[in-house]
């Protein structure tokens, strides 16, 4: 049973975490390149939030959005 868990450890430490080790070493030389994946996710989230807010404004301008607080029966 011990060899099974050592095999899992070897899989993660020696193979699956190699990209993380590379990014950790890269951070010492260039912080911006090491965090490029984070910047990509931030840009995607900003674009999605901008699109969402734009759609909310479109529905609000067309009066399609229900703003009544008693829209649900449990709030009456």
Protein backbone atom coordinates (compact mmCIF):
# COMPACT_ATOMS: atom_id res chain seq x y z
CA UNK A 1 0.00 0.00 0.00
CA UNK A 2 2.92 2.33 0.71
CA UNK A 3 4.23 1.92 -2.84
CA UNK A 4 0.81 2.93 -4.20
CA UNK A 5 0.94 6.28 -2.43
CA UNK A 6 4.59 6.74 -3.37
CA UNK A 7 3.56 6.16 -6.99
CA UNK A 8 0.91 8.90 -6.70
CA UNK A 9 3.52 11.19 -5.14
CA UNK A 10 5.95 10.45 -7.96
CA UNK A 11 3.27 11.15 -10.58
CA UNK A 12 2.46 14.56 -9.18
CA UNK A 13 5.91 15.71 -8.06
CA UNK A 14 7.93 14.40 -11.00
CA UNK A 15 5.48 14.95 -13.86
CA UNK A 16 2.30 16.94 -13.24
CA UNK A 17 3.85 19.79 -11.22
CA UNK A 18 6.77 20.38 -13.62
CA UNK A 19 5.04 23.37 -15.28
CA UNK A 20 4.54 24.93 -11.85
CA UNK A 21 8.22 24.47 -11.04
CA UNK A 22 9.11 26.11 -14.34
CA UNK A 23 6.83 29.08 -13.59
CA UNK A 24 8.33 29.42 -10.11
CA UNK A 25 11.83 29.59 -11.57
CA UNK A 26 10.69 31.96 -14.33
CA UNK A 27 9.28 34.37 -11.77
CA UNK A 28 12.78 35.10 -10.51
CA UNK A 29 13.80 36.40 -13.93
CA UNK A 30 10.59 37.94 -15.34
CA UNK A 31 7.49 38.45 -13.20
CA UNK A 32 5.26 39.54 -16.10
CA UNK A 33 5.91 36.41 -18.14
CA UNK A 34 5.42 34.13 -15.16
CA UNK A 35 1.98 35.65 -14.52
CA UNK A 36 0.78 35.75 -18.14
CA UNK A 37 -1.89 33.12 -17.44
CA UNK A 38 -3.30 35.27 -14.64
CA UNK A 39 -3.39 38.31 -16.91
CA UNK A 40 -5.25 36.32 -19.57
CA UNK A 41 -7.89 35.26 -17.02
CA UNK A 42 -8.24 38.84 -15.79
CA UNK A 43 -8.79 40.09 -19.35
CA UNK A 44 -11.39 37.37 -20.01
CA UNK A 45 -13.23 38.22 -16.78
CA UNK A 46 -13.22 41.94 -17.58
CA UNK A 47 -14.59 41.28 -21.06
CA UNK A 48 -17.31 39.00 -19.68
CA UNK A 49 -18.31 41.55 -17.03
CA UNK A 50 -18.43 44.33 -19.63
CA UNK A 51 -20.65 42.22 -21.88
CA UNK A 52 -22.91 41.29 -18.96
CA UNK A 53 -23.34 44.91 -17.84
CA UNK A 54 -24.04 45.96 -21.43
CA UNK A 55 -26.77 43.31 -21.70
CA UNK A 56 -28.28 44.42 -18.38
CA UNK A 57 -28.45 48.00 -19.67
CA UNK A 58 -30.18 46.82 -22.86
CA UNK A 59 -32.84 44.96 -20.87
CA UNK A 60 -33.25 47.90 -18.51
CA UNK A 61 -33.71 50.33 -21.43
CA UNK A 62 -36.39 48.07 -22.99
CA UNK A 63 -38.19 47.76 -19.63
CA UNK A 64 -37.94 43.96 -19.89
CA UNK A 65 -36.37 43.61 -16.46
CA UNK A 66 -38.75 42.96 -13.56
CA UNK A 67 -37.76 45.42 -10.83
CA UNK A 68 -40.69 44.73 -8.49
CA UNK A 69 -39.61 43.42 -5.09
CA UNK A 70 -42.81 41.35 -4.85
CA UNK A 71 -42.00 39.40 -7.99
CA UNK A 72 -41.66 36.28 -5.85
CA UNK A 73 -44.53 34.94 -3.82
CA UNK A 74 -42.44 34.53 -0.66
CA UNK A 75 -41.63 38.28 -0.60
CA UNK A 76 -45.28 39.40 -0.28
